[in-house]
Amino acid sequence: MTPFLRPAVFLDRDGTINEERGHIQSPEDLILLPGVAKAIQSLNKSQYITVVVTNQSVIARGKCTEGGMEEINNRLQSLIGEDGASIDGIYYCPHYPDPEIPGGRRDLNIVCGCRKPEPGLIMKAAMDMNINLASSWMIGDATRDIEAGKKAGLRSILLSEEENSNNNSSVIPDATCRDLKDAVRFILDYPKD
């Protein structure tokens, strides 16, 4: 018997859920953007599961350990939990393909299939969580998020302050929204297949 496949909304982290503040190295550095917890709570009440997929080269750069990243992720869950929301899964890429990083971890200075714009994190989550990619979405603030989503067969939303932003990339999102609240509203109002 085939397991039931669920739709998901994949979310970038930095600049989508929390403030873009360079390389976040400690839990205290993580500050949610306004309205994010309520937007995720709306997804929690819908058919969609929520999955964060994020590049975290801060680990390859030697500025944070895997244990430190778990603490940052725990803070994220705690902050959105204060508003009754939760994230079903968090997947991160610790790699950065530049062996010249001063103080970096050589074991993580590799070209991989999980660093966005590659779709590896999405594909792993889909396998782990029985996700129906054809019914799922990717939301992010960078074209690499949109490209990863497209490579995985997802619909995508680019977050941009300008509603009709000029996307100078060959990768075109299915929609552009101002913030996560607007993107979630767009997804929940989107006609079902």
Foldseek 3Di string as FASTA:
>chain_A
DDDDAFAAEEEEPDPAFFDNDDQDQALVVTHGDPPNLVLQVVQVVDRYAYEYEYEHCCQQLVSHHPVRVVRNVVSSQVVSVVVPGGHPYYHYQNADQDPPRVPGDPVRNRDDQRHFLRQVRVVVCCVVPRHDLCLYEYEEQDVSRLNNSVVSNHAYEHADCDQPDDDPDPRDHPGYHPGSNRVSVCSVPDDGD
